[in-house]
Amino acid sequence: MKITIAQIDIADHQAEENSTKIINIIKANAQSDIILFPELALTGFPTSNEIQSAHSNAECAFHAVRQASSECQTKVLIGHIEKVNGNFYNSAFLLAHGQEHVIHRKAHLWLDDQGVFQCGDHSTLFAINQHQVGSQICFDLEFPEGSRALATAGAELILMPNGNMHPYENTHFILSQARAIENQVFVVTCNRVGQGHGGHFSGESLVVSPFGSLLLKMDSKETIQTIELDMADVQRSRTDYQYITHQ
């Protein structure tokens, strides 16, 4: 499975500017099976006073990104604001063939998410080349139950749009490996870089194998990188025992 990780610098509150960059990346990497973007990749992190306008102002930009997905075979997983019955969720959207599907709503809200977004309880799997894929978002990584639920449901790969800031690089470095090892799945994170939301986004997006091997660690610069995963490693890692069924 070929995955493109788009570790980009996001301009807060500049949805049109961000969408132009995102669309160019989609077009340039149309040969990938899926392209992964960071958390809230179109808007950055809004405050409670900004959430309504951030969502409204990004609607055209989100439509343009969705339209770009209709013009190529690759799937896109991107973090974006979801509005349901007047409530807002920090969600991971799957875009494929011009259609959008909410794959995950962030379940564990970081301090700056609280009072802005609702806690999500929706997480589902989707298929790429007959392999089951799930998603979580950033802070969700730091709690083992969500990854375990996805693995128990059949996930072989967990994709994580991130918005991780300094000084929490090591937390995600260690726990990405832990989630991969304890569930015997691939874990791929895509963080943003640069200044924004009053801090510094650290990058360091990761690809970890079901054995816990570090296959890729990016630096702190904007980087678009494609990696091919040998999905047979999932079953190889489970040959002798399976953590998710072990008693």
C-alpha atoms as a PDB file:
ATOM      1  CA  MET A   1       0.000   0.000   0.000  1.00  0.00           C
ATOM      2  CA  LYS A   2       1.379   3.362  -1.057  1.00  0.00           C
ATOM      3  CA  ILE A   3       0.785   6.233   1.381  1.00  0.00           C
ATOM      4  CA  THR A   4       1.726   9.883   0.898  1.00  0.00           C
ATOM      5  CA  ILE A   5       2.218  11.848   4.119  1.00  0.00           C
ATOM      6  CA  ALA A   6       1.654  15.575   3.626  1.00  0.00           C
ATOM      7  CA  GLN A   7       3.412  17.212   6.574  1.00  0.00           C
ATOM      8  CA  ILE A   8       2.541  20.815   5.757  1.00  0.00           C
ATOM      9  CA  ASP A   9       2.692  24.296   7.216  1.00  0.00           C
ATOM     10  CA  ILE A  10      -0.914  25.432   7.724  1.00  0.00           C
ATOM     11  CA  ALA A  11      -1.880  29.109   7.710  1.00  0.00           C
ATOM     12  CA  ASP A  12      -4.394  29.665  10.504  1.00  0.00           C
ATOM     13  CA  HIS A  13      -7.756  31.053   9.309  1.00  0.00           C
ATOM     14  CA  GLN A  14      -6.651  30.945   5.651  1.00  0.00           C
ATOM     15  CA  ALA A  15      -8.752  28.120   4.232  1.00  0.00           C
ATOM     16  CA  GLU A  16      -8.417  29.152   0.592  1.00  0.00           C
ATOM     17  CA  GLU A  17      -4.633  29.396   0.817  1.00  0.00           C
ATOM     18  CA  ASN A  18      -4.430  26.027   2.557  1.00  0.00           C
ATOM     19  CA  SER A  19      -6.789  24.360   0.076  1.00  0.00           C
ATOM     20  CA  THR A  20      -4.673  25.497  -2.867  1.00  0.00           C
ATOM     21  CA  LYS A  21      -1.651  23.804  -1.335  1.00  0.00           C
ATOM     22  CA  ILE A  22      -3.633  20.674  -0.488  1.00  0.00           C
ATOM     23  CA  ILE A  23      -5.118  20.381  -3.981  1.00  0.00           C
ATOM     24  CA  ASN A  24      -1.672  20.703  -5.572  1.00  0.00           C
ATOM     25  CA  ILE A  25      -0.408  17.903  -3.326  1.00  0.00           C
ATOM     26  CA  ILE A  26      -3.343  15.680  -4.281  1.00  0.00           C
ATOM     27  CA  LYS A  27      -2.717  16.226  -7.983  1.00  0.00           C
ATOM     28  CA  ALA A  28       1.017  15.607  -7.637  1.00  0.00           C
ATOM     29  CA  ASN A  29       0.523  12.363  -5.704  1.00  0.00           C
ATOM     30  CA  ALA A  30      -2.433  10.857  -7.533  1.00  0.00           C
ATOM     31  CA  GLN A  31      -0.544   7.564  -7.874  1.00  0.00           C
ATOM     32  CA  SER A  32      -0.736   6.899  -4.120  1.00  0.00           C
ATOM     33  CA  ASP A  33      -3.424   4.726  -2.587  1.00  0.00           C
ATOM     34  CA  ILE A  34      -4.095   7.395   0.038  1.00  0.00           C
ATOM     35  CA  ILE A  35      -2.794  10.844   0.966  1.00  0.00           C
ATOM     36  CA  LEU A  36      -2.795  11.768   4.662  1.00  0.00           C
ATOM     37  CA  PHE A  37      -3.055  15.396   5.824  1.00  0.00           C
ATOM     38  CA  PRO A  38      -2.838  16.920   9.341  1.00  0.00           C
ATOM     39  CA  GLU A  39      -5.556  17.741  11.851  1.00  0.00           C
ATOM     40  CA  LEU A  40      -7.782  20.707  10.883  1.00  0.00           C
ATOM     41  CA  ALA A  41      -5.695  21.148   7.756  1.00  0.00           C
ATOM     42  CA  LEU A  42      -7.877  23.833   6.179  1.00  0.00           C
ATOM     43  CA  THR A  43      -8.516  26.119   9.135  1.00  0.00           C
ATOM     44  CA  GLY A  44      -6.030  25.514  11.883  1.00  0.00           C
ATOM     45  CA  PHE A  45      -7.393  25.547  15.437  1.00  0.00           C
ATOM     46  CA  PRO A  46     -10.274  27.976  16.027  1.00  0.00           C
ATOM     47  CA  THR A  47     -11.388  29.309  19.404  1.00  0.00           C
ATOM     48  CA  SER A  48     -14.964  29.025  20.641  1.00  0.00           C
ATOM     49  CA  ASN A  49     -15.614  32.530  19.272  1.00  0.00           C
ATOM     50  CA  GLU A  50     -14.184  31.608  15.874  1.00  0.00           C
ATOM     51  CA  ILE A  51     -15.576  28.119  15.276  1.00  0.00           C
ATOM     52  CA  GLN A  52     -18.762  29.152  13.445  1.00  0.00           C
ATOM     53  CA  SER A  53     -16.991  31.530  11.079  1.00  0.00           C
ATOM     54  CA  ALA A  54     -14.075  29.119  10.599  1.00  0.00           C
ATOM     55  CA  HIS A  55     -16.453  26.395   9.488  1.00  0.00           C
ATOM     56  CA  SER A  56     -18.489  28.692   7.240  1.00  0.00           C
ATOM     57  CA  ASN A  57     -15.463  30.333   5.663  1.00  0.00           C
ATOM     58  CA  ALA A  58     -13.899  26.952   4.873  1.00  0.00           C
ATOM     59  CA  GLU A  59     -16.927  25.434   3.117  1.00  0.00           C
ATOM     60  CA  CYS A  60     -15.883  26.503  -0.388  1.00  0.00           C
ATOM     61  CA  ALA A  61     -12.298  25.435   0.245  1.00  0.00           C
ATOM     62  CA  PHE A  62     -13.431  22.023   1.490  1.00  0.00           C
ATOM     63  CA  HIS A  63     -15.667  21.622  -1.556  1.00  0.00           C
ATOM     64  CA  ALA A  64     -12.685  22.390  -3.815  1.00  0.00           C
ATOM     65  CA  VAL A  65     -10.570  19.718  -2.073  1.00  0.00           C
ATOM     66  CA  ARG A  66     -13.409  17.215  -2.368  1.00  0.00           C
ATOM     67  CA  GLN A  67     -13.738  18.045  -6.051  1.00  0.00           C
ATOM     68  CA  ALA A  68      -9.992  17.447  -6.521  1.00  0.00           C
ATOM     69  CA  SER A  69     -10.484  13.958  -5.105  1.00  0.00           C
ATOM     70  CA  SER A  70     -13.006  13.236  -7.854  1.00  0.00           C
ATOM     71  CA  GLU A  71     -10.367  13.793 -10.510  1.00  0.00           C
ATOM     72  CA  CYS A  72      -7.982  11.036  -9.392  1.00  0.00           C
ATOM     73  CA  GLN A  73      -8.034   7.519  -8.008  1.00  0.00           C
ATOM     74  CA  THR A  74      -6.241   8.246  -4.746  1.00  0.00           C
ATOM     75  CA  LYS A  75      -8.147   8.516  -1.488  1.00  0.00           C
ATOM     76  CA  VAL A  76      -7.583  11.482   0.853  1.00  0.00           C
ATOM     77  CA  LEU A  77      -7.788  11.494   4.651  1.00  0.00           C
ATOM     78  CA  ILE A  78      -7.907  15.023   6.030  1.00  0.00           C
ATOM     79  CA  GLY A  79      -8.714  16.653   9.345  1.00  0.00           C
ATOM     80  CA  HIS A  80     -11.542  19.191   9.149  1.00  0.00           C
ATOM     81  CA  ILE A  81     -14.397  20.767  11.121  1.00  0.00           C
ATOM     82  CA  GLU A  82     -17.671  18.854  11.002  1.00  0.00           C
ATOM     83  CA  LYS A  83     -20.984  20.493  11.930  1.00  0.00           C
ATOM     84  CA  VAL A  84     -23.912  18.311  13.029  1.00  0.00           C
ATOM     85  CA  ASN A  85     -27.138  19.727  14.485  1.00  0.00           C
ATOM     86  CA  GLY A  86     -25.394  22.896  15.601  1.00  0.00           C
ATOM     87  CA  ASN A  87     -22.497  21.025  17.240  1.00  0.00           C
ATOM     88  CA  PHE A  88     -18.935  20.996  15.944  1.00  0.00           C
ATOM     89  CA  TYR A  89     -16.593  18.011  15.828  1.00  0.00           C
ATOM     90  CA  ASN A  90     -12.890  17.769  15.120  1.00  0.00           C
ATOM     91  CA  SER A  91     -13.169  15.046  12.481  1.00  0.00           C
ATOM     92  CA  ALA A  92     -11.213  12.957  10.000  1.00  0.00           C
ATOM     93  CA  PHE A  93     -12.856  12.944   6.571  1.00  0.00           C
ATOM     94  CA  LEU A  94     -12.233  10.358   3.891  1.00  0.00           C
ATOM     95  CA  LEU A  95     -12.530  11.872   0.416  1.00  0.00           C
ATOM     96  CA  ALA A  96     -12.841   9.427  -2.456  1.00  0.00           C
ATOM     97  CA  HIS A  97     -14.186   9.939  -5.983  1.00  0.00           C
ATOM     98  CA  GLY A  98     -15.676  13.274  -4.957  1.00  0.00           C
ATOM     99  CA  GLN A  99     -17.572  11.814  -2.001  1.00  0.00           C
ATOM    100  CA  GLU A 100     -16.953  12.570   1.684  1.00  0.00           C
ATOM    101  CA  HIS A 101     -17.262  10.188   4.616  1.00  0.00           C
ATOM    102  CA  VAL A 102     -16.605  10.972   8.273  1.00  0.00           C
ATOM    103  CA  ILE A 103     -14.293   8.206   9.492  1.00  0.00           C
ATOM    104  CA  HIS A 104     -13.546   9.455  12.995  1.00  0.00           C
ATOM    105  CA  ARG A 105     -14.592  12.183  15.419  1.00  0.00           C
ATOM    106  CA  LYS A 106     -11.888  13.122  17.904  1.00  0.00           C
ATOM    107  CA  ALA A 107     -12.792  11.418  21.169  1.00  0.00           C
ATOM    108  CA  HIS A 108     -10.207  12.938  23.521  1.00  0.00           C
ATOM    109  CA  LEU A 109     -10.246  16.719  23.464  1.00  0.00           C
ATOM    110  CA  TRP A 110      -7.032  18.550  24.218  1.00  0.00           C
ATOM    111  CA  LEU A 111      -7.281  21.651  26.419  1.00  0.00           C
ATOM    112  CA  ASP A 112      -7.686  23.980  23.436  1.00  0.00           C
ATOM    113  CA  ASP A 113     -10.398  21.734  21.929  1.00  0.00           C
ATOM    114  CA  GLN A 114     -12.567  21.896  25.027  1.00  0.00           C
ATOM    115  CA  GLY A 115     -15.460  24.317  24.720  1.00  0.00           C
ATOM    116  CA  VAL A 116     -14.917  24.434  20.949  1.00  0.00           C
ATOM    117  CA  PHE A 117     -15.660  20.870  19.832  1.00  0.00           C
ATOM    118  CA  GLN A 118     -17.880  18.098  21.130  1.00  0.00           C
ATOM    119  CA  CYS A 119     -16.313  14.779  22.145  1.00  0.00           C
ATOM    120  CA  GLY A 120     -16.801  12.276  19.356  1.00  0.00           C
ATOM    121  CA  ASP A 121     -17.920   8.673  19.670  1.00  0.00           C
ATOM    122  CA  HIS A 122     -17.881   7.784  15.973  1.00  0.00           C
ATOM    123  CA  SER A 123     -15.095   5.722  14.427  1.00  0.00           C
ATOM    124  CA  THR A 124     -15.403   3.362  11.501  1.00  0.00           C
ATOM    125  CA  LEU A 125     -13.172   1.397   9.158  1.00  0.00           C
ATOM    126  CA  PHE A 126     -12.727   1.700   5.419  1.00  0.00           C
ATOM    127  CA  ALA A 127     -10.906  -0.446   2.883  1.00  0.00           C
ATOM    128  CA  ILE A 128      -7.851   0.203   0.755  1.00  0.00           C
ATOM    129  CA  ASN A 129      -6.909  -2.677  -1.539  1.00  0.00           C
ATOM    130  CA  GLN A 130      -8.954  -5.035   0.654  1.00  0.00           C
ATOM    131  CA  HIS A 131      -7.076  -3.947   3.785  1.00  0.00           C
ATOM    132  CA  GLN A 132      -9.011  -2.434   6.687  1.00  0.00           C
ATOM    133  CA  VAL A 133      -8.000   1.066   7.786  1.00  0.00           C
ATOM    134  CA  GLY A 134      -9.064   3.157  10.778  1.00  0.00           C
ATOM    135  CA  SER A 135      -8.298   6.642  12.015  1.00  0.00           C
ATOM    136  CA  GLN A 136      -7.728   8.587  15.198  1.00  0.00           C
ATOM    137  CA  ILE A 137      -6.769  12.231  15.739  1.00  0.00           C
ATOM    138  CA  CYS A 138      -3.751  13.552  17.664  1.00  0.00           C
ATOM    139  CA  PHE A 139      -4.545  13.400  21.436  1.00  0.00           C
ATOM    140  CA  ASP A 140      -6.499  10.165  20.863  1.00  0.00           C
ATOM    141  CA  LEU A 141      -3.113   8.526  20.341  1.00  0.00           C
ATOM    142  CA  GLU A 142      -2.325   8.937  24.041  1.00  0.00           C
ATOM    143  CA  PHE A 143      -5.136   6.628  25.171  1.00  0.00           C
ATOM    144  CA  PRO A 144      -4.856   2.922  24.261  1.00  0.00           C
ATOM    145  CA  GLU A 145      -8.561   2.017  24.156  1.00  0.00           C
ATOM    146  CA  GLY A 146      -9.364   3.625  20.806  1.00  0.00           C
ATOM    147  CA  SER A 147      -6.557   1.926  18.909  1.00  0.00           C
ATOM    148  CA  ARG A 148      -7.447  -1.385  20.525  1.00  0.00           C
ATOM    149  CA  ALA A 149     -11.090  -1.005  19.468  1.00  0.00           C
ATOM    150  CA  LEU A 150     -10.034  -0.369  15.868  1.00  0.00           C
ATOM    151  CA  ALA A 151      -7.663  -3.348  15.858  1.00  0.00           C
ATOM    152  CA  THR A 152     -10.306  -5.604  17.397  1.00  0.00           C
ATOM    153  CA  ALA A 153     -12.711  -4.497  14.654  1.00  0.00           C
ATOM    154  CA  GLY A 154     -10.159  -5.585  12.058  1.00  0.00           C
ATOM    155  CA  ALA A 155      -7.948  -2.565  11.378  1.00  0.00           C
ATOM    156  CA  GLU A 156      -4.535  -3.351   9.918  1.00  0.00           C
ATOM    157  CA  LEU A 157      -3.511   0.299   9.618  1.00  0.00           C
ATOM    158  CA  ILE A 158      -4.338   3.329  11.755  1.00  0.00           C
ATOM    159  CA  LEU A 159      -3.927   6.777  10.188  1.00  0.00           C
ATOM    160  CA  MET A 160      -3.650   9.788  12.484  1.00  0.00           C
ATOM    161  CA  PRO A 161      -4.026  13.419  11.396  1.00  0.00           C
ATOM    162  CA  ASN A 162      -2.050  15.314  14.043  1.00  0.00           C
ATOM    163  CA  GLY A 163      -1.616  18.845  15.355  1.00  0.00           C
ATOM    164  CA  ASN A 164       1.094  18.053  17.898  1.00  0.00           C
ATOM    165  CA  MET A 165       3.040  20.971  19.377  1.00  0.00           C
ATOM    166  CA  HIS A 166       6.377  21.374  21.109  1.00  0.00           C
ATOM    167  CA  PRO A 167       7.258  20.095  23.721  1.00  0.00           C
ATOM    168  CA  TYR A 168       5.215  16.906  23.192  1.00  0.00           C
ATOM    169  CA  GLU A 169       7.277  15.378  20.386  1.00  0.00           C
ATOM    170  CA  ASN A 170       8.619  12.520  22.498  1.00  0.00           C
ATOM    171  CA  THR A 171       5.167  11.604  23.775  1.00  0.00           C
ATOM    172  CA  HIS A 172       3.953  10.912  20.252  1.00  0.00           C
ATOM    173  CA  PHE A 173       7.244   9.295  19.255  1.00  0.00           C
ATOM    174  CA  ILE A 174       6.950   6.718  22.044  1.00  0.00           C
ATOM    175  CA  LEU A 175       3.195   6.164  21.973  1.00  0.00           C
ATOM    176  CA  SER A 176       2.982   5.718  18.196  1.00  0.00           C
ATOM    177  CA  GLN A 177       5.325   2.773  18.613  1.00  0.00           C
ATOM    178  CA  ALA A 178       3.378   1.491  21.615  1.00  0.00           C
ATOM    179  CA  ARG A 179       0.051   1.591  19.737  1.00  0.00           C
ATOM    180  CA  ALA A 180       1.601  -0.274  16.788  1.00  0.00           C
ATOM    181  CA  ILE A 181       3.230  -2.948  18.961  1.00  0.00           C
ATOM    182  CA  GLU A 182       0.309  -3.662  21.291  1.00  0.00           C
ATOM    183  CA  ASN A 183      -2.161  -3.952  18.399  1.00  0.00           C
ATOM    184  CA  GLN A 184       0.205  -5.370  15.748  1.00  0.00           C
ATOM    185  CA  VAL A 185      -0.877  -2.803  13.166  1.00  0.00           C
ATOM    186  CA  PHE A 186       0.800  -0.111  11.109  1.00  0.00           C
ATOM    187  CA  VAL A 187       0.520   3.355  12.655  1.00  0.00           C
ATOM    188  CA  VAL A 188       1.034   6.440  10.478  1.00  0.00           C
ATOM    189  CA  THR A 189       0.881   9.970  11.872  1.00  0.00           C
ATOM    190  CA  CYS A 190       0.828  13.213   9.887  1.00  0.00           C
ATOM    191  CA  ASN A 191       1.620  16.340  11.865  1.00  0.00           C
ATOM    192  CA  ARG A 192       1.770  19.974  10.780  1.00  0.00           C
ATOM    193  CA  VAL A 193       4.825  22.223  11.017  1.00  0.00           C
ATOM    194  CA  GLY A 194       5.574  25.883  11.595  1.00  0.00           C
ATOM    195  CA  GLN A 195       4.144  28.553  13.852  1.00  0.00           C
ATOM    196  CA  GLY A 196       0.456  28.809  14.614  1.00  0.00           C
ATOM    197  CA  HIS A 197      -2.168  28.894  17.339  1.00  0.00           C
ATOM    198  CA  GLY A 198       0.318  30.554  19.692  1.00  0.00           C
ATOM    199  CA  GLY A 199       2.920  27.812  19.504  1.00  0.00           C
ATOM    200  CA  HIS A 200       5.211  25.712  17.320  1.00  0.00           C
ATOM    201  CA  PHE A 201       4.042  22.580  15.528  1.00  0.00           C
ATOM    202  CA  SER A 202       6.845  20.081  15.643  1.00  0.00           C
ATOM    203  CA  GLY A 203       6.313  17.887  12.580  1.00  0.00           C
ATOM    204  CA  GLU A 204       8.137  14.574  13.112  1.00  0.00           C
ATOM    205  CA  SER A 205       5.422  12.542  11.384  1.00  0.00           C
ATOM    206  CA  LEU A 206       5.943   8.822  11.836  1.00  0.00           C
ATOM    207  CA  VAL A 207       5.428   5.464  10.178  1.00  0.00           C
ATOM    208  CA  VAL A 208       5.665   2.478  12.526  1.00  0.00           C
ATOM    209  CA  SER A 209       5.396  -1.192  11.529  1.00  0.00           C
ATOM    210  CA  PRO A 210       3.337  -3.856  13.359  1.00  0.00           C
ATOM    211  CA  PHE A 211       6.639  -5.044  14.868  1.00  0.00           C
ATOM    212  CA  GLY A 212       7.249  -1.567  16.301  1.00  0.00           C
ATOM    213  CA  SER A 213      10.003  -0.792  13.795  1.00  0.00           C
ATOM    214  CA  LEU A 214      10.371   2.879  12.892  1.00  0.00           C
ATOM    215  CA  LEU A 215      10.028   2.985   9.096  1.00  0.00           C
ATOM    216  CA  LEU A 216       9.981   6.768   8.763  1.00  0.00           C
ATOM    217  CA  LYS A 217      10.490   9.794  10.967  1.00  0.00           C
ATOM    218  CA  MET A 218      10.268  13.210   9.333  1.00  0.00           C
ATOM    219  CA  ASP A 219      12.010  16.322  10.605  1.00  0.00           C
ATOM    220  CA  SER A 220      10.415  19.668  11.488  1.00  0.00           C
ATOM    221  CA  LYS A 221      10.203  21.030   7.922  1.00  0.00           C
ATOM    222  CA  GLU A 222       7.346  20.914   5.458  1.00  0.00           C
ATOM    223  CA  THR A 223       7.748  17.574   3.715  1.00  0.00           C
ATOM    224  CA  ILE A 224       5.665  15.513   1.328  1.00  0.00           C
ATOM    225  CA  GLN A 225       6.862  11.925   1.369  1.00  0.00           C
ATOM    226  CA  THR A 226       5.500   8.665  -0.012  1.00  0.00           C
ATOM    227  CA  ILE A 227       6.175   5.285   1.550  1.00  0.00           C
ATOM    228  CA  GLU A 228       5.058   1.822   0.486  1.00  0.00           C
ATOM    229  CA  LEU A 229       3.875  -0.533   3.219  1.00  0.00           C
ATOM    230  CA  ASP A 230       4.093  -4.307   3.015  1.00  0.00           C
ATOM    231  CA  MET A 231       0.703  -5.119   4.502  1.00  0.00           C
ATOM    232  CA  ALA A 232       1.690  -8.780   4.875  1.00  0.00           C
ATOM    233  CA  ASP A 233       3.733  -7.613   7.881  1.00  0.00           C
ATOM    234  CA  VAL A 234       0.503  -7.453   9.885  1.00  0.00           C
ATOM    235  CA  GLN A 235      -0.033 -11.201   9.661  1.00  0.00           C
ATOM    236  CA  ARG A 236       3.692 -11.900  10.033  1.00  0.00           C
ATOM    237  CA  SER A 237       3.672  -9.985  13.320  1.00  0.00           C
ATOM    238  CA  ARG A 238       0.753 -12.128  14.528  1.00  0.00           C
ATOM    239  CA  THR A 239       2.220 -15.504  13.571  1.00  0.00           C
ATOM    240  CA  ASP A 240       3.222 -16.628  17.057  1.00  0.00           C
ATOM    241  CA  TYR A 241       0.628 -14.749  19.116  1.00  0.00           C
ATOM    242  CA  GLN A 242      -1.899 -11.948  18.827  1.00  0.00           C
ATOM    243  CA  TYR A 243      -2.025  -9.278  21.497  1.00  0.00           C
ATOM    244  CA  ILE A 244      -5.634  -8.406  20.679  1.00  0.00           C
ATOM    245  CA  THR A 245      -6.886 -11.947  21.404  1.00  0.00           C
ATOM    246  CA  HIS A 246      -4.356 -13.132  23.970  1.00  0.00           C
ATOM    247  CA  GLN A 247      -5.802 -14.180  27.336  1.00  0.00           C
END
